[in-house]
Structures are given as C-alpha cells and as structure tokens.
Amino acid sequence: MKTKSIALSHKQFLRRMDLGTLQLFVDCCRTGSLLMAAEQADLAVSSVSKRIRLLEESVQTSLLRRHARGVVPTVAGEAFLQHAKGLIQAATQMHVDMLDFAKGVTGRVQIAVSASVLQQYLPEQIASFAKMHPSVAIDVSEMSSQSVIAAVRSQDAELGICAEVEDSQGLERLPYHKDPLVLLVPKRHPLAKRREIDFAAALENEFIGMQGSSVIQALMEKSAAEADAALRQRIRVATVHSMCRLVEQGLGIGVMPQETAASLADPALTQVIHLKDPWADQTLWCYARRFEALGESAALFMNHIK
C-alpha cells in the first residue's frame, strides 16, 4: 500500500494504536482469513477489513496480502506481527498484575535464583514469608548463576540468589547459605568406599557434566586444567536431577551441592564423597544492585531470609 501521507510522529502513532485492532491483526495472520478473525471477534467482516486498512494507513505500508483463499502477512506484516504479539502479551500481564492488586496484593518482589537454591533452601522460606505477608506477590525465576547476575544487573530481578560468580562487579552481595559441593558416585563404584577425596584424584573417571553456563561446571574445568588433566564427560545434562538419575545407573560420577545430593539421589544406589578442594566449600550469595535501595517488598523478603 503506497501512500503520500506525511509520516506520523511517535505520539500520533501511539494515539492511533489500539490493542483490539492489534489482536484482530494477529488473528488474521493466525487464521489466514478476515472472515474467521471477524467471526471470532463477533464483528462484521467489513468492520475488520476497515480496521486493518486504517492500521496499514498508520504504518504507511501493506501488512496483509489478500488472495483468493484469504490473507497472509507481507514481509512488513511479519515484523509487525512480532511487535503486536509482544504488546498484547505485555498488556495481558499488566491485566493479571492489576487483578492481583484488585484482590488485595499491595506489593511484589521479583527474585532470580539458581536451581540449587530453589531445590534446597528457598521453598520453605517462600512459604513462611507468604504466610506472614499474604498481600505480597512473589515472582521466582530459576536460571543459571550467570543469568541470575545478569537479571539483577538489568533490573529484571530485584534480588538474585546463586553461587559466587566472578563477573558480578557493580552489585552488592550478602552471604545466604553454605552450600558445599560433593562427589556423587554409584554405590558399586571403586571410589564408593572413600569418605573424602581431592577432585584431581577422581579425574581418571567418567563424569556426568552440566550443559550451559554452570558455575560448578566451570569450577570442575578450571580444577582439571590446574591438574593438567582432561575432564572426561561423554554425557552432559541440563539438570542436577538428571545427573543423579544417570549416576544411579552407573553411567558416571557427578559434582553437585551436598543438600541436592541428599534430597535427589537414591542412597541405596549412590554414595556421597566429600571434596577436600577449597573451591568445593561453596557459599550461596544474595545479590542486589543496592540493598539499601530495595523496594519495600524486596526488603521485607531479604530480611526474612537473612
């Protein structure tokens, strides 16, 4: 659609946009039909067609290509579709958040945590906090330790709880919990009779590794390099739960937090061996941009878990 009209300013463009029309456009792309989109919205086809035409005039380009069997988005329409979906999703989340406030919620705390934190210590603390502060909503996102730091730094989370990460400059931190690392081996493994071991002494064995940017994986690789030895990992998994299952099947040995091993691994099939290396004496940390600048709800939660 070619037009000689003058381009709208950002403010003019925003005044012309409405979420209802964006949803109609998304429905047209999803169904490939103006008729089906109109039926779903309980509107006349002519009304839907007019609103799409006005939308195209606002962006000054064709968004849908009409053909005998219906419509398909143009190249510009494909790009517009992604933006429209994002705006609708954001508006839907806004509605959900406002409904929470209508139901009596007076605050919200956003927390990013590593898997070991969520598997071990945090659930009981969240439960007790929720009981003490029923009007505070809690958003918990599970991610890698590096992603936790990134979330706090970008303000996607007010608080982050994870193992120590080297690249945490610019953030403040407070100790959360001791989280020593151990070696989990099959019950019949040659190392199973040991009660403690140096990591280097176990390197001749096959390990179950972790995918992605795992702090534990990085510590293992660094320790193996310092011992001038290879870290043998034929299998890598995404979760510690999967690692436990594979160790139980005798497919390798794995390094994980002691509390995680105690809660997830079958003691009839596995043996926990303490690691003597200093790096295995791990501490979990609470991270924030500035603890003194936390919102009221986040500060309440931080005080609760200290």
C-alpha atoms as a PDB file:
ATOM      1  CA  MET A   1       0.000   0.000   0.000  1.00  0.00           C
ATOM      2  CA  LYS A   2       1.612   3.207  -1.196  1.00  0.00           C
ATOM      3  CA  THR A   3       0.580   6.497   0.334  1.00  0.00           C
ATOM      4  CA  LYS A   4       1.653  10.100   0.091  1.00  0.00           C
ATOM      5  CA  SER A   5       0.507  10.964   3.613  1.00  0.00           C
ATOM      6  CA  ILE A   6       3.011  12.535   5.960  1.00  0.00           C
ATOM      7  CA  ALA A   7       4.638  10.125   8.405  1.00  0.00           C
ATOM      8  CA  LEU A   8       3.095  10.221  11.867  1.00  0.00           C
ATOM      9  CA  SER A   9       5.068  11.317  14.893  1.00  0.00           C
ATOM     10  CA  HIS A  10       5.600   8.724  17.620  1.00  0.00           C
ATOM     11  CA  LYS A  11       2.881  10.293  19.762  1.00  0.00           C
ATOM     12  CA  GLN A  12       0.425  10.413  16.865  1.00  0.00           C
ATOM     13  CA  PHE A  13       1.196   6.795  16.038  1.00  0.00           C
ATOM     14  CA  LEU A  14       0.588   5.697  19.636  1.00  0.00           C
ATOM     15  CA  ARG A  15      -2.732   7.558  19.748  1.00  0.00           C
ATOM     16  CA  ARG A  16      -3.896   5.624  16.689  1.00  0.00           C
ATOM     17  CA  MET A  17      -2.896   2.203  18.011  1.00  0.00           C
ATOM     18  CA  ASP A  18      -5.413   0.148  19.948  1.00  0.00           C
ATOM     19  CA  LEU A  19      -4.957  -3.329  21.350  1.00  0.00           C
ATOM     20  CA  GLY A  20      -8.236  -4.566  19.908  1.00  0.00           C
ATOM     21  CA  THR A  21      -7.063  -3.888  16.362  1.00  0.00           C
ATOM     22  CA  LEU A  22      -3.681  -5.445  17.091  1.00  0.00           C
ATOM     23  CA  GLN A  23      -5.466  -8.594  18.290  1.00  0.00           C
ATOM     24  CA  LEU A  24      -7.570  -8.623  15.113  1.00  0.00           C
ATOM     25  CA  PHE A  25      -4.393  -8.391  13.028  1.00  0.00           C
ATOM     26  CA  VAL A  26      -2.813 -11.281  14.977  1.00  0.00           C
ATOM     27  CA  ASP A  27      -5.995 -13.342  14.474  1.00  0.00           C
ATOM     28  CA  CYS A  28      -5.998 -12.608  10.740  1.00  0.00           C
ATOM     29  CA  CYS A  29      -2.401 -13.846  10.474  1.00  0.00           C
ATOM     30  CA  ARG A  30      -3.107 -16.905  12.628  1.00  0.00           C
ATOM     31  CA  THR A  31      -6.241 -17.984  10.744  1.00  0.00           C
ATOM     32  CA  GLY A  32      -5.254 -16.671   7.312  1.00  0.00           C
ATOM     33  CA  SER A  33      -8.762 -15.281   6.974  1.00  0.00           C
ATOM     34  CA  LEU A  34     -10.520 -11.977   7.608  1.00  0.00           C
ATOM     35  CA  LEU A  35     -13.791 -13.914   7.880  1.00  0.00           C
ATOM     36  CA  MET A  36     -12.565 -16.251  10.596  1.00  0.00           C
ATOM     37  CA  ALA A  37     -10.988 -13.383  12.537  1.00  0.00           C
ATOM     38  CA  ALA A  38     -14.282 -11.477  12.300  1.00  0.00           C
ATOM     39  CA  GLU A  39     -16.301 -14.481  13.493  1.00  0.00           C
ATOM     40  CA  GLN A  40     -14.011 -14.995  16.491  1.00  0.00           C
ATOM     41  CA  ALA A  41     -14.330 -11.316  17.433  1.00  0.00           C
ATOM     42  CA  ASP A  42     -18.099 -11.277  16.758  1.00  0.00           C
ATOM     43  CA  LEU A  43     -17.650  -8.484  14.202  1.00  0.00           C
ATOM     44  CA  ALA A  44     -18.665  -7.942  10.614  1.00  0.00           C
ATOM     45  CA  VAL A  45     -16.016  -8.726   8.012  1.00  0.00           C
ATOM     46  CA  SER A  46     -16.322  -5.191   6.692  1.00  0.00           C
ATOM     47  CA  SER A  47     -15.521  -3.808  10.149  1.00  0.00           C
ATOM     48  CA  VAL A  48     -12.396  -5.976  10.451  1.00  0.00           C
ATOM     49  CA  SER A  49     -11.308  -5.052   6.922  1.00  0.00           C
ATOM     50  CA  LYS A  50     -11.695  -1.345   7.685  1.00  0.00           C
ATOM     51  CA  ARG A  51      -9.702  -1.566  10.916  1.00  0.00           C
ATOM     52  CA  ILE A  52      -6.871  -3.430   9.174  1.00  0.00           C
ATOM     53  CA  ARG A  53      -6.885  -0.832   6.391  1.00  0.00           C
ATOM     54  CA  LEU A  54      -6.654   2.009   8.947  1.00  0.00           C
ATOM     55  CA  LEU A  55      -3.816   0.124  10.654  1.00  0.00           C
ATOM     56  CA  GLU A  56      -1.955  -0.092   7.348  1.00  0.00           C
ATOM     57  CA  GLU A  57      -2.503   3.631   6.796  1.00  0.00           C
ATOM     58  CA  SER A  58      -0.986   4.342  10.213  1.00  0.00           C
ATOM     59  CA  VAL A  59       2.192   2.397   9.431  1.00  0.00           C
ATOM     60  CA  GLN A  60       2.127   3.540   5.789  1.00  0.00           C
ATOM     61  CA  THR A  61       2.744   0.101   4.320  1.00  0.00           C
ATOM     62  CA  SER A  62       0.816  -3.052   3.455  1.00  0.00           C
ATOM     63  CA  LEU A  63       0.659  -5.585   6.286  1.00  0.00           C
ATOM     64  CA  LEU A  64      -1.537  -8.246   4.668  1.00  0.00           C
ATOM     65  CA  ARG A  65      -1.525  -9.632   1.142  1.00  0.00           C
ATOM     66  CA  ARG A  66      -5.030 -10.560   0.001  1.00  0.00           C
ATOM     67  CA  HIS A  67      -5.569 -13.574  -2.248  1.00  0.00           C
ATOM     68  CA  ALA A  68      -8.445 -15.822  -3.256  1.00  0.00           C
ATOM     69  CA  ARG A  69      -8.120 -18.128  -0.245  1.00  0.00           C
ATOM     70  CA  GLY A  70      -7.604 -15.443   2.398  1.00  0.00           C
ATOM     71  CA  VAL A  71      -4.707 -13.333   3.645  1.00  0.00           C
ATOM     72  CA  VAL A  72      -1.020 -13.763   4.505  1.00  0.00           C
ATOM     73  CA  PRO A  73       1.283 -11.226   6.162  1.00  0.00           C
ATOM     74  CA  THR A  74       3.696  -9.305   3.980  1.00  0.00           C
ATOM     75  CA  VAL A  75       7.363  -9.001   4.953  1.00  0.00           C
ATOM     76  CA  ALA A  76       6.448  -5.834   6.866  1.00  0.00           C
ATOM     77  CA  GLY A  77       3.446  -7.676   8.276  1.00  0.00           C
ATOM     78  CA  GLU A  78       5.654 -10.438   9.675  1.00  0.00           C
ATOM     79  CA  ALA A  79       7.752  -7.851  11.511  1.00  0.00           C
ATOM     80  CA  PHE A  80       4.642  -6.015  12.721  1.00  0.00           C
ATOM     81  CA  LEU A  81       3.155  -9.330  13.898  1.00  0.00           C
ATOM     82  CA  GLN A  82       6.033  -9.956  16.305  1.00  0.00           C
ATOM     83  CA  HIS A  83       5.683  -6.472  17.792  1.00  0.00           C
ATOM     84  CA  ALA A  84       1.910  -6.878  18.069  1.00  0.00           C
ATOM     85  CA  LYS A  85       2.262 -10.192  19.910  1.00  0.00           C
ATOM     86  CA  GLY A  86       4.738  -8.636  22.331  1.00  0.00           C
ATOM     87  CA  LEU A  87       2.430  -5.711  23.077  1.00  0.00           C
ATOM     88  CA  ILE A  88      -0.558  -7.994  23.607  1.00  0.00           C
ATOM     89  CA  GLN A  89       1.438 -10.232  25.916  1.00  0.00           C
ATOM     90  CA  ALA A  90       2.626  -7.219  27.909  1.00  0.00           C
ATOM     91  CA  ALA A  91      -0.932  -5.887  28.158  1.00  0.00           C
ATOM     92  CA  THR A  92      -2.187  -9.296  29.291  1.00  0.00           C
ATOM     93  CA  GLN A  93       0.475  -9.432  32.001  1.00  0.00           C
ATOM     94  CA  MET A  94      -0.447  -5.902  33.051  1.00  0.00           C
ATOM     95  CA  HIS A  95      -4.057  -7.025  33.403  1.00  0.00           C
ATOM     96  CA  VAL A  96      -3.014 -10.021  35.534  1.00  0.00           C
ATOM     97  CA  ASP A  97      -0.888  -7.782  37.748  1.00  0.00           C
ATOM     98  CA  MET A  98      -3.699  -5.294  38.227  1.00  0.00           C
ATOM     99  CA  LEU A  99      -6.125  -8.092  39.087  1.00  0.00           C
ATOM    100  CA  ASP A 100      -3.704  -9.097  41.846  1.00  0.00           C
ATOM    101  CA  PHE A 101      -3.877  -5.579  43.275  1.00  0.00           C
ATOM    102  CA  ALA A 102      -7.660  -5.640  42.992  1.00  0.00           C
ATOM    103  CA  LYS A 103      -7.622  -8.824  45.081  1.00  0.00           C
ATOM    104  CA  GLY A 104      -5.611  -7.133  47.818  1.00  0.00           C
ATOM    105  CA  VAL A 105      -1.994  -7.533  46.720  1.00  0.00           C
ATOM    106  CA  THR A 106      -0.034  -4.496  47.901  1.00  0.00           C
ATOM    107  CA  GLY A 107       3.468  -5.386  46.741  1.00  0.00           C
ATOM    108  CA  ARG A 108       5.540  -7.669  44.563  1.00  0.00           C
ATOM    109  CA  VAL A 109       9.092  -8.991  44.806  1.00  0.00           C
ATOM    110  CA  GLN A 110      10.992 -10.357  41.814  1.00  0.00           C
ATOM    111  CA  ILE A 111      13.684 -12.928  42.586  1.00  0.00           C
ATOM    112  CA  ALA A 112      16.103 -14.736  40.281  1.00  0.00           C
ATOM    113  CA  VAL A 113      17.666 -17.895  41.717  1.00  0.00           C
ATOM    114  CA  SER A 114      19.860 -20.793  40.678  1.00  0.00           C
ATOM    115  CA  ALA A 115      18.455 -24.331  40.567  1.00  0.00           C
ATOM    116  CA  SER A 116      20.245 -25.470  43.740  1.00  0.00           C
ATOM    117  CA  VAL A 117      18.729 -22.584  45.708  1.00  0.00           C
ATOM    118  CA  LEU A 118      15.210 -23.421  44.557  1.00  0.00           C
ATOM    119  CA  GLN A 119      15.688 -27.150  45.139  1.00  0.00           C
ATOM    120  CA  GLN A 120      17.105 -26.812  48.627  1.00  0.00           C
ATOM    121  CA  TYR A 121      16.525 -23.810  50.831  1.00  0.00           C
ATOM    122  CA  LEU A 122      14.147 -21.307  49.280  1.00  0.00           C
ATOM    123  CA  PRO A 123      10.752 -23.103  49.089  1.00  0.00           C
ATOM    124  CA  GLU A 124      10.276 -23.234  52.879  1.00  0.00           C
ATOM    125  CA  GLN A 125      11.354 -19.607  53.220  1.00  0.00           C
ATOM    126  CA  ILE A 126       8.926 -18.521  50.493  1.00  0.00           C
ATOM    127  CA  ALA A 127       6.142 -20.469  52.216  1.00  0.00           C
ATOM    128  CA  SER A 128       6.770 -18.839  55.584  1.00  0.00           C
ATOM    129  CA  PHE A 129       7.132 -15.382  54.003  1.00  0.00           C
ATOM    130  CA  ALA A 130       3.880 -15.809  52.067  1.00  0.00           C
ATOM    131  CA  LYS A 131       2.123 -16.754  55.292  1.00  0.00           C
ATOM    132  CA  MET A 132       3.496 -13.707  57.119  1.00  0.00           C
ATOM    133  CA  HIS A 133       2.871 -11.319  54.203  1.00  0.00           C
ATOM    134  CA  PRO A 134      -0.193 -12.573  52.274  1.00  0.00           C
ATOM    135  CA  SER A 135      -0.553  -9.292  50.386  1.00  0.00           C
ATOM    136  CA  VAL A 136       2.892  -9.527  48.753  1.00  0.00           C
ATOM    137  CA  ALA A 137       3.139 -11.379  45.435  1.00  0.00           C
ATOM    138  CA  ILE A 138       6.353 -13.289  44.701  1.00  0.00           C
ATOM    139  CA  ASP A 139       7.832 -13.876  41.251  1.00  0.00           C
ATOM    140  CA  VAL A 140      10.596 -16.515  41.248  1.00  0.00           C
ATOM    141  CA  SER A 141      12.643 -17.229  38.110  1.00  0.00           C
ATOM    142  CA  GLU A 142      15.014 -20.206  38.001  1.00  0.00           C
ATOM    143  CA  MET A 143      18.139 -19.784  35.850  1.00  0.00           C
ATOM    144  CA  SER A 144      21.893 -20.299  35.768  1.00  0.00           C
ATOM    145  CA  SER A 145      24.049 -18.330  38.208  1.00  0.00           C
ATOM    146  CA  GLN A 146      25.416 -16.155  35.389  1.00  0.00           C
ATOM    147  CA  SER A 147      21.864 -15.407  34.278  1.00  0.00           C
ATOM    148  CA  VAL A 148      20.903 -14.520  37.857  1.00  0.00           C
ATOM    149  CA  ILE A 149      23.635 -11.877  37.906  1.00  0.00           C
ATOM    150  CA  ALA A 150      22.534 -10.567  34.512  1.00  0.00           C
ATOM    151  CA  ALA A 151      18.900 -10.353  35.679  1.00  0.00           C
ATOM    152  CA  VAL A 152      19.818  -8.318  38.766  1.00  0.00           C
ATOM    153  CA  ARG A 153      22.123  -6.070  36.760  1.00  0.00           C
ATOM    154  CA  SER A 154      19.418  -5.392  34.135  1.00  0.00           C
ATOM    155  CA  GLN A 155      16.803  -4.849  36.893  1.00  0.00           C
ATOM    156  CA  ASP A 156      14.688  -7.778  35.664  1.00  0.00           C
ATOM    157  CA  ALA A 157      15.044  -9.039  39.245  1.00  0.00           C
ATOM    158  CA  GLU A 158      15.421  -7.070  42.462  1.00  0.00           C
ATOM    159  CA  LEU A 159      17.194  -9.907  44.249  1.00  0.00           C
ATOM    160  CA  GLY A 160      19.363 -12.728  42.979  1.00  0.00           C
ATOM    161  CA  ILE A 161      20.490 -15.805  44.902  1.00  0.00           C
ATOM    162  CA  CYS A 162      23.193 -18.056  43.485  1.00  0.00           C
ATOM    163  CA  ALA A 163      26.747 -19.288  43.874  1.00  0.00           C
ATOM    164  CA  GLU A 164      29.654 -16.880  43.562  1.00  0.00           C
ATOM    165  CA  VAL A 165      30.128 -15.548  40.047  1.00  0.00           C
ATOM    166  CA  GLU A 166      33.340 -13.819  39.001  1.00  0.00           C
ATOM    167  CA  ASP A 167      31.604 -11.243  36.805  1.00  0.00           C
ATOM    168  CA  SER A 168      29.443  -9.616  39.486  1.00  0.00           C
ATOM    169  CA  GLN A 169      31.100  -6.209  39.551  1.00  0.00           C
ATOM    170  CA  GLY A 170      28.778  -3.350  40.350  1.00  0.00           C
ATOM    171  CA  LEU A 171      26.483  -5.474  42.519  1.00  0.00           C
ATOM    172  CA  GLU A 172      26.341  -5.791  46.282  1.00  0.00           C
ATOM    173  CA  ARG A 173      26.173  -9.195  47.933  1.00  0.00           C
ATOM    174  CA  LEU A 174      25.458 -10.777  51.313  1.00  0.00           C
ATOM    175  CA  PRO A 175      26.011 -14.425  52.336  1.00  0.00           C
ATOM    176  CA  TYR A 176      22.903 -16.578  52.081  1.00  0.00           C
ATOM    177  CA  HIS A 177      23.817 -20.176  52.850  1.00  0.00           C
ATOM    178  CA  LYS A 178      26.776 -22.556  52.946  1.00  0.00           C
ATOM    179  CA  ASP A 179      26.466 -24.990  50.052  1.00  0.00           C
ATOM    180  CA  PRO A 180      29.445 -27.399  49.990  1.00  0.00           C
ATOM    181  CA  LEU A 181      29.985 -29.463  46.845  1.00  0.00           C
ATOM    182  CA  VAL A 182      30.328 -33.236  46.950  1.00  0.00           C
ATOM    183  CA  LEU A 183      31.099 -36.050  44.556  1.00  0.00           C
ATOM    184  CA  LEU A 184      28.212 -38.451  43.875  1.00  0.00           C
ATOM    185  CA  VAL A 185      29.236 -41.929  42.690  1.00  0.00           C
ATOM    186  CA  PRO A 186      27.363 -45.201  42.056  1.00  0.00           C
ATOM    187  CA  LYS A 187      27.192 -47.500  45.077  1.00  0.00           C
ATOM    188  CA  ARG A 188      29.410 -50.115  43.418  1.00  0.00           C
ATOM    189  CA  HIS A 189      31.936 -47.638  42.041  1.00  0.00           C
ATOM    190  CA  PRO A 190      35.615 -48.145  43.056  1.00  0.00           C
ATOM    191  CA  LEU A 191      35.534 -44.745  44.795  1.00  0.00           C
ATOM    192  CA  ALA A 192      32.419 -45.562  46.830  1.00  0.00           C
ATOM    193  CA  LYS A 193      34.470 -46.680  49.846  1.00  0.00           C
ATOM    194  CA  ARG A 194      36.069 -43.236  50.144  1.00  0.00           C
ATOM    195  CA  ARG A 195      34.629 -40.642  52.506  1.00  0.00           C
ATOM    196  CA  GLU A 196      36.581 -37.689  51.092  1.00  0.00           C
ATOM    197  CA  ILE A 197      38.730 -37.068  48.057  1.00  0.00           C
ATOM    198  CA  ASP A 198      40.673 -34.437  46.139  1.00  0.00           C
ATOM    199  CA  PHE A 199      38.936 -33.667  42.861  1.00  0.00           C
ATOM    200  CA  ALA A 200      42.158 -34.330  40.925  1.00  0.00           C
ATOM    201  CA  ALA A 201      42.230 -37.896  42.259  1.00  0.00           C
ATOM    202  CA  ALA A 202      38.848 -38.585  40.630  1.00  0.00           C
ATOM    203  CA  LEU A 203      39.708 -37.239  37.176  1.00  0.00           C
ATOM    204  CA  GLU A 204      40.523 -40.645  35.701  1.00  0.00           C
ATOM    205  CA  ASN A 205      36.797 -41.443  35.934  1.00  0.00           C
ATOM    206  CA  GLU A 206      33.945 -40.595  33.566  1.00  0.00           C
ATOM    207  CA  PHE A 207      31.935 -37.574  34.790  1.00  0.00           C
ATOM    208  CA  ILE A 208      28.364 -36.529  34.071  1.00  0.00           C
ATOM    209  CA  GLY A 209      28.685 -32.878  33.041  1.00  0.00           C
ATOM    210  CA  MET A 210      26.290 -29.933  33.033  1.00  0.00           C
ATOM    211  CA  GLN A 211      25.173 -28.130  29.911  1.00  0.00           C
ATOM    212  CA  GLY A 212      25.257 -24.370  29.590  1.00  0.00           C
ATOM    213  CA  SER A 213      26.936 -21.826  31.830  1.00  0.00           C
ATOM    214  CA  SER A 214      27.034 -23.811  35.080  1.00  0.00           C
ATOM    215  CA  VAL A 215      29.247 -22.417  37.861  1.00  0.00           C
ATOM    216  CA  ILE A 216      30.025 -25.967  39.042  1.00  0.00           C
ATOM    217  CA  GLN A 217      30.961 -26.997  35.518  1.00  0.00           C
ATOM    218  CA  ALA A 218      33.326 -24.026  35.274  1.00  0.00           C
ATOM    219  CA  LEU A 219      34.923 -24.909  38.627  1.00  0.00           C
ATOM    220  CA  MET A 220      35.461 -28.500  37.515  1.00  0.00           C
ATOM    221  CA  GLU A 221      37.025 -27.463  34.218  1.00  0.00           C
ATOM    222  CA  LYS A 222      39.324 -24.984  35.970  1.00  0.00           C
ATOM    223  CA  SER A 223      40.411 -27.564  38.546  1.00  0.00           C
ATOM    224  CA  ALA A 224      41.093 -30.165  35.831  1.00  0.00           C
ATOM    225  CA  ALA A 225      43.181 -27.635  33.888  1.00  0.00           C
ATOM    226  CA  GLU A 226      45.197 -26.793  37.010  1.00  0.00           C
ATOM    227  CA  ALA A 227      45.855 -30.528  37.481  1.00  0.00           C
ATOM    228  CA  ASP A 228      46.939 -30.715  33.829  1.00  0.00           C
ATOM    229  CA  ALA A 229      44.336 -33.414  33.250  1.00  0.00           C
ATOM    230  CA  ALA A 230      41.379 -33.924  30.938  1.00  0.00           C
ATOM    231  CA  LEU A 231      37.822 -33.770  32.246  1.00  0.00           C
ATOM    232  CA  ARG A 232      36.140 -36.818  30.733  1.00  0.00           C
ATOM    233  CA  GLN A 233      32.475 -36.077  30.052  1.00  0.00           C
ATOM    234  CA  ARG A 234      30.743 -38.194  27.456  1.00  0.00           C
ATOM    235  CA  ILE A 235      27.319 -37.189  28.785  1.00  0.00           C
ATOM    236  CA  ARG A 236      26.100 -33.708  29.689  1.00  0.00           C
ATOM    237  CA  VAL A 237      22.682 -32.938  31.133  1.00  0.00           C
ATOM    238  CA  ALA A 238      20.581 -29.850  31.768  1.00  0.00           C
ATOM    239  CA  THR A 239      19.601 -30.508  35.393  1.00  0.00           C
ATOM    240  CA  VAL A 240      21.133 -31.950  38.560  1.00  0.00           C
ATOM    241  CA  HIS A 241      18.079 -34.201  38.849  1.00  0.00           C
ATOM    242  CA  SER A 242      19.050 -35.839  35.544  1.00  0.00           C
ATOM    243  CA  MET A 243      22.636 -36.128  36.723  1.00  0.00           C
ATOM    244  CA  CYS A 244      21.509 -38.060  39.806  1.00  0.00           C
ATOM    245  CA  ARG A 245      19.475 -40.486  37.715  1.00  0.00           C
ATOM    246  CA  LEU A 246      22.434 -41.194  35.420  1.00  0.00           C
ATOM    247  CA  VAL A 247      24.835 -41.660  38.333  1.00  0.00           C
ATOM    248  CA  GLU A 248      22.356 -44.134  39.818  1.00  0.00           C
ATOM    249  CA  GLN A 249      22.521 -46.072  36.548  1.00  0.00           C
ATOM    250  CA  GLY A 250      26.306 -46.255  36.750  1.00  0.00           C
ATOM    251  CA  LEU A 251      26.934 -44.011  33.729  1.00  0.00           C
ATOM    252  CA  GLY A 252      29.384 -41.727  35.509  1.00  0.00           C
ATOM    253  CA  ILE A 253      30.076 -39.664  38.612  1.00  0.00           C
ATOM    254  CA  GLY A 254      28.998 -36.088  39.266  1.00  0.00           C
ATOM    255  CA  VAL A 255      29.702 -32.994  41.351  1.00  0.00           C
ATOM    256  CA  MET A 256      26.763 -31.249  42.997  1.00  0.00           C
ATOM    257  CA  PRO A 257      25.744 -29.446  46.214  1.00  0.00           C
ATOM    258  CA  GLN A 258      25.605 -31.701  49.259  1.00  0.00           C
ATOM    259  CA  GLU A 259      21.999 -30.848  50.091  1.00  0.00           C
ATOM    260  CA  THR A 260      20.946 -31.507  46.486  1.00  0.00           C
ATOM    261  CA  ALA A 261      22.568 -34.945  46.566  1.00  0.00           C
ATOM    262  CA  ALA A 262      20.850 -35.700  49.875  1.00  0.00           C
ATOM    263  CA  SER A 263      17.423 -34.735  48.550  1.00  0.00           C
ATOM    264  CA  LEU A 264      17.570 -36.065  44.979  1.00  0.00           C
ATOM    265  CA  ALA A 265      19.900 -39.080  44.886  1.00  0.00           C
ATOM    266  CA  ASP A 266      18.821 -42.578  45.947  1.00  0.00           C
ATOM    267  CA  PRO A 267      21.111 -43.551  48.874  1.00  0.00           C
ATOM    268  CA  ALA A 268      20.587 -47.231  48.023  1.00  0.00           C
ATOM    269  CA  LEU A 269      22.194 -46.667  44.617  1.00  0.00           C
ATOM    270  CA  THR A 270      24.722 -43.905  45.270  1.00  0.00           C
ATOM    271  CA  GLN A 271      27.421 -42.766  47.668  1.00  0.00           C
ATOM    272  CA  VAL A 272      28.316 -39.189  48.612  1.00  0.00           C
ATOM    273  CA  ILE A 273      32.033 -38.356  48.896  1.00  0.00           C
ATOM    274  CA  HIS A 274      33.182 -35.040  50.350  1.00  0.00           C
ATOM    275  CA  LEU A 275      35.534 -32.964  48.199  1.00  0.00           C
ATOM    276  CA  LYS A 276      38.589 -31.598  50.011  1.00  0.00           C
ATOM    277  CA  ASP A 277      39.309 -28.861  47.464  1.00  0.00           C
ATOM    278  CA  PRO A 278      38.889 -25.258  48.749  1.00  0.00           C
ATOM    279  CA  TRP A 279      36.660 -24.374  45.781  1.00  0.00           C
ATOM    280  CA  ALA A 280      34.197 -27.065  46.875  1.00  0.00           C
ATOM    281  CA  ASP A 281      33.489 -25.127  50.091  1.00  0.00           C
ATOM    282  CA  GLN A 282      30.881 -23.138  48.224  1.00  0.00           C
ATOM    283  CA  THR A 283      28.755 -20.295  49.576  1.00  0.00           C
ATOM    284  CA  LEU A 284      25.496 -19.083  48.086  1.00  0.00           C
ATOM    285  CA  TRP A 285      25.074 -15.315  47.928  1.00  0.00           C
ATOM    286  CA  CYS A 286      22.255 -12.804  47.767  1.00  0.00           C
ATOM    287  CA  TYR A 287      22.894 -10.154  45.116  1.00  0.00           C
ATOM    288  CA  ALA A 288      21.281  -6.755  44.606  1.00  0.00           C
ATOM    289  CA  ARG A 289      22.165  -3.542  42.846  1.00  0.00           C
ATOM    290  CA  ARG A 290      21.943  -1.792  46.225  1.00  0.00           C
ATOM    291  CA  PHE A 291      20.376  -3.426  49.264  1.00  0.00           C
ATOM    292  CA  GLU A 292      19.508  -0.054  50.788  1.00  0.00           C
ATOM    293  CA  ALA A 293      17.587   0.871  47.633  1.00  0.00           C
ATOM    294  CA  LEU A 294      15.405  -2.256  47.543  1.00  0.00           C
ATOM    295  CA  GLY A 295      11.668  -1.756  47.287  1.00  0.00           C
ATOM    296  CA  GLU A 296       9.611  -2.319  50.408  1.00  0.00           C
ATOM    297  CA  SER A 297       8.525  -5.856  49.452  1.00  0.00           C
ATOM    298  CA  ALA A 298      12.014  -6.941  48.381  1.00  0.00           C
ATOM    299  CA  ALA A 299      13.478  -5.520  51.593  1.00  0.00           C
ATOM    300  CA  LEU A 300      10.919  -7.460  53.640  1.00  0.00           C
ATOM    301  CA  PHE A 301      11.848 -10.651  51.820  1.00  0.00           C
ATOM    302  CA  MET A 302      15.575 -10.016  52.233  1.00  0.00           C
ATOM    303  CA  ASN A 303      15.163  -9.502  55.973  1.00  0.00           C
ATOM    304  CA  HIS A 304      13.123 -12.694  56.143  1.00  0.00           C
ATOM    305  CA  ILE A 305      15.772 -14.931  54.571  1.00  0.00           C
ATOM    306  CA  LYS A 306      18.804 -13.479  56.368  1.00  0.00           C
END
